[in-house]
Amino acid sequence: MIPFTDTLKNIERMGLKQDQLQIPMKSGTQHIGFVRNYENKKNVRFYILKGAGHEAVAYKPEAAYQMFVQFLSA
């Protein structure tokens, strides 16, 4: 597993501010993670997939697919 808390600290250090609360991600009725959007000109999004490791596709393929679909539709 990758500790996402360090990534969140680095995003904070970059001066990026969250533009809304975390948005829960679901696959059907199952909660699979969260999305955080940040206010900036580069449209940064941070996805947190529950139980996924460094290679999310290998650990949680359905969650990784849902993240990919959501990324493309945003």
N, C-alpha and C. Protein backbone atom coordinates (compact mmCIF):
# COMPACT_ATOMS: atom_id res chain seq x y z
N MET A 1 0.83 -1.18 0.00
CA MET A 1 0.00 0.00 0.00
C MET A 1 0.88 1.25 0.00
N ILE A 2 0.39 2.27 -0.60
CA ILE A 2 1.11 3.54 -0.66
C ILE A 2 0.45 4.50 0.32
N PRO A 3 1.23 5.11 1.23
CA PRO A 3 0.62 6.06 2.17
C PRO A 3 0.28 7.37 1.45
N PHE A 4 -1.00 7.56 1.20
CA PHE A 4 -1.44 8.75 0.46
C PHE A 4 -1.30 10.02 1.29
N THR A 5 -1.09 9.87 2.60
CA THR A 5 -0.97 11.05 3.45
C THR A 5 0.23 11.91 3.07
N ASP A 6 1.32 11.28 2.64
CA ASP A 6 2.49 12.04 2.19
C ASP A 6 2.17 12.83 0.93
N THR A 7 1.43 12.23 0.03
CA THR A 7 1.03 12.93 -1.20
C THR A 7 0.16 14.13 -0.86
N LEU A 8 -0.76 13.95 0.08
CA LEU A 8 -1.62 15.07 0.49
C LEU A 8 -0.80 16.20 1.10
N LYS A 9 0.21 15.87 1.88
CA LYS A 9 1.09 16.90 2.46
C LYS A 9 1.83 17.65 1.36
N ASN A 10 2.29 16.94 0.34
CA ASN A 10 3.00 17.59 -0.76
C ASN A 10 2.07 18.48 -1.57
N ILE A 11 0.84 18.08 -1.77
CA ILE A 11 -0.13 18.93 -2.47
C ILE A 11 -0.35 20.21 -1.67
N GLU A 12 -0.47 20.07 -0.36
CA GLU A 12 -0.61 21.25 0.51
C GLU A 12 0.58 22.18 0.37
N ARG A 13 1.78 21.62 0.35
CA ARG A 13 3.01 22.43 0.23
C ARG A 13 3.07 23.18 -1.09
N MET A 14 2.42 22.64 -2.12
CA MET A 14 2.38 23.30 -3.42
C MET A 14 1.40 24.47 -3.42
N GLY A 15 0.67 24.64 -2.32
CA GLY A 15 -0.26 25.76 -2.23
C GLY A 15 -1.60 25.51 -2.88
N LEU A 16 -1.90 24.26 -3.21
CA LEU A 16 -3.19 23.95 -3.83
C LEU A 16 -4.24 23.78 -2.75
N LYS A 17 -5.39 24.37 -2.95
CA LYS A 17 -6.48 24.30 -2.00
C LYS A 17 -7.61 23.46 -2.58
N GLN A 18 -8.18 22.62 -1.73
CA GLN A 18 -9.31 21.79 -2.14
C GLN A 18 -10.49 22.70 -2.45
N ASP A 19 -11.17 22.48 -3.59
CA ASP A 19 -12.30 23.35 -3.93
C ASP A 19 -13.63 22.82 -3.43
N GLN A 20 -13.65 21.63 -2.89
CA GLN A 20 -14.87 21.08 -2.30
C GLN A 20 -14.49 19.91 -1.42
N LEU A 21 -15.45 19.33 -0.74
CA LEU A 21 -15.18 18.17 0.09
C LEU A 21 -14.82 16.97 -0.78
N GLN A 22 -14.25 15.95 -0.16
CA GLN A 22 -13.96 14.71 -0.89
C GLN A 22 -15.26 14.17 -1.48
N ILE A 23 -15.17 13.68 -2.70
CA ILE A 23 -16.33 13.09 -3.35
C ILE A 23 -16.17 11.57 -3.27
N PRO A 24 -17.14 10.88 -2.66
CA PRO A 24 -17.03 9.42 -2.59
C PRO A 24 -17.15 8.79 -3.98
N MET A 25 -16.38 7.74 -4.21
CA MET A 25 -16.47 6.98 -5.46
C MET A 25 -17.11 5.64 -5.15
N LYS A 26 -18.04 5.21 -6.02
CA LYS A 26 -18.70 3.93 -5.83
C LYS A 26 -18.65 3.12 -7.12
N SER A 27 -18.66 1.82 -6.94
CA SER A 27 -18.83 0.88 -8.05
C SER A 27 -20.06 0.06 -7.69
N GLY A 28 -21.17 0.38 -8.33
CA GLY A 28 -22.44 -0.21 -7.92
C GLY A 28 -22.80 0.34 -6.55
N THR A 29 -22.95 -0.55 -5.57
CA THR A 29 -23.25 -0.11 -4.20
C THR A 29 -22.02 -0.11 -3.31
N GLN A 30 -20.88 -0.55 -3.84
CA GLN A 30 -19.66 -0.67 -3.05
C GLN A 30 -18.85 0.63 -3.08
N HIS A 31 -18.45 1.09 -1.88
CA HIS A 31 -17.60 2.28 -1.77
C HIS A 31 -16.17 1.88 -2.13
N ILE A 32 -15.58 2.56 -3.12
CA ILE A 32 -14.24 2.17 -3.59
C ILE A 32 -13.17 3.23 -3.33
N GLY A 33 -13.56 4.43 -2.91
CA GLY A 33 -12.55 5.45 -2.65
C GLY A 33 -13.12 6.85 -2.67
N PHE A 34 -12.21 7.83 -2.90
CA PHE A 34 -12.57 9.24 -2.89
C PHE A 34 -11.85 9.97 -4.01
N VAL A 35 -12.41 11.12 -4.38
CA VAL A 35 -11.76 12.03 -5.32
C VAL A 35 -11.68 13.40 -4.63
N ARG A 36 -10.53 14.04 -4.76
CA ARG A 36 -10.36 15.41 -4.28
C ARG A 36 -10.01 16.28 -5.47
N ASN A 37 -10.74 17.36 -5.63
CA ASN A 37 -10.46 18.35 -6.68
C ASN A 37 -9.81 19.56 -6.04
N TYR A 38 -8.87 20.16 -6.75
CA TYR A 38 -8.14 21.31 -6.23
C TYR A 38 -8.32 22.51 -7.13
N GLU A 39 -8.42 23.70 -6.50
CA GLU A 39 -8.57 24.95 -7.24
C GLU A 39 -7.22 25.37 -7.80
N ASN A 40 -7.10 25.34 -9.07
CA ASN A 40 -5.89 25.84 -9.75
C ASN A 40 -6.15 25.85 -11.25
N LYS A 41 -5.21 26.35 -11.99
CA LYS A 41 -5.37 26.44 -13.43
C LYS A 41 -5.02 25.15 -14.15
N LYS A 42 -4.47 24.18 -13.43
CA LYS A 42 -4.07 22.93 -14.07
C LYS A 42 -5.07 21.80 -13.82
N ASN A 43 -6.15 22.08 -13.10
CA ASN A 43 -7.23 21.11 -12.88
C ASN A 43 -6.72 19.81 -12.26
N VAL A 44 -6.13 19.90 -11.09
CA VAL A 44 -5.57 18.74 -10.41
C VAL A 44 -6.66 17.97 -9.68
N ARG A 45 -6.66 16.65 -9.86
CA ARG A 45 -7.55 15.76 -9.12
C ARG A 45 -6.69 14.70 -8.46
N PHE A 46 -7.08 14.32 -7.24
CA PHE A 46 -6.36 13.29 -6.51
C PHE A 46 -7.35 12.17 -6.19
N TYR A 47 -7.05 10.98 -6.67
CA TYR A 47 -7.91 9.82 -6.46
C TYR A 47 -7.32 8.93 -5.37
N ILE A 48 -8.17 8.51 -4.44
CA ILE A 48 -7.77 7.59 -3.40
C ILE A 48 -8.63 6.33 -3.57
N LEU A 49 -7.98 5.21 -3.90
CA LEU A 49 -8.69 3.95 -4.05
C LEU A 49 -8.45 3.10 -2.81
N LYS A 50 -9.52 2.68 -2.17
CA LYS A 50 -9.41 1.88 -0.96
C LYS A 50 -8.77 0.52 -1.27
N GLY A 51 -7.74 0.17 -0.51
CA GLY A 51 -7.12 -1.14 -0.62
C GLY A 51 -6.26 -1.37 -1.84
N ALA A 52 -6.00 -0.33 -2.62
CA ALA A 52 -5.18 -0.47 -3.82
C ALA A 52 -3.72 -0.16 -3.48
N GLY A 53 -2.82 -0.89 -4.05
CA GLY A 53 -1.40 -0.66 -3.84
C GLY A 53 -0.82 0.16 -4.97
N HIS A 54 0.48 0.04 -5.15
CA HIS A 54 1.20 0.81 -6.16
C HIS A 54 0.66 0.54 -7.56
N GLU A 55 0.30 -0.68 -7.84
CA GLU A 55 -0.29 -1.04 -9.13
C GLU A 55 -1.78 -1.31 -8.92
N ALA A 56 -2.55 -0.23 -8.89
CA ALA A 56 -3.98 -0.33 -8.58
C ALA A 56 -4.71 -1.30 -9.50
N VAL A 57 -4.30 -1.38 -10.75
CA VAL A 57 -4.96 -2.26 -11.70
C VAL A 57 -4.81 -3.73 -11.28
N ALA A 58 -3.69 -4.07 -10.69
CA ALA A 58 -3.47 -5.45 -10.24
C ALA A 58 -4.20 -5.74 -8.93
N TYR A 59 -4.23 -4.75 -8.02
CA TYR A 59 -4.85 -4.96 -6.71
C TYR A 59 -6.36 -4.82 -6.74
N LYS A 60 -6.85 -3.81 -7.41
CA LYS A 60 -8.28 -3.48 -7.43
C LYS A 60 -8.69 -3.11 -8.86
N PRO A 61 -8.80 -4.09 -9.75
CA PRO A 61 -9.07 -3.77 -11.16
C PRO A 61 -10.39 -3.03 -11.39
N GLU A 62 -11.45 -3.41 -10.69
CA GLU A 62 -12.74 -2.74 -10.89
C GLU A 62 -12.67 -1.29 -10.43
N ALA A 63 -12.06 -1.04 -9.29
CA ALA A 63 -11.92 0.32 -8.78
C ALA A 63 -11.05 1.16 -9.72
N ALA A 64 -9.98 0.57 -10.23
CA ALA A 64 -9.09 1.28 -11.15
C ALA A 64 -9.83 1.63 -12.44
N TYR A 65 -10.67 0.72 -12.91
CA TYR A 65 -11.46 0.99 -14.13
C TYR A 65 -12.43 2.14 -13.88
N GLN A 66 -13.13 2.11 -12.74
CA GLN A 66 -14.07 3.18 -12.41
C GLN A 66 -13.35 4.53 -12.30
N MET A 67 -12.14 4.53 -11.73
CA MET A 67 -11.36 5.75 -11.63
C MET A 67 -11.02 6.28 -13.03
N PHE A 68 -10.62 5.38 -13.92
CA PHE A 68 -10.27 5.75 -15.28
C PHE A 68 -11.48 6.34 -16.02
N VAL A 69 -12.62 5.69 -15.89
CA VAL A 69 -13.86 6.17 -16.54
C VAL A 69 -14.23 7.55 -16.00
N GLN A 70 -14.14 7.73 -14.69
CA GLN A 70 -14.47 9.01 -14.09
C GLN A 70 -13.50 10.09 -14.54
N PHE A 71 -12.23 9.75 -14.63
CA PHE A 71 -11.20 10.69 -15.09
C PHE A 71 -11.51 11.16 -16.52
N LEU A 72 -11.87 10.22 -17.39
CA LEU A 72 -12.15 10.59 -18.78
C LEU A 72 -13.40 11.42 -18.93
N SER A 73 -14.38 11.20 -18.05
CA SER A 73 -15.65 11.93 -18.18
C SER A 73 -15.62 13.29 -17.49
N ALA A 74 -14.58 13.57 -16.73
CA ALA A 74 -14.52 14.85 -16.00
C ALA A 74 -14.08 15.99 -16.89
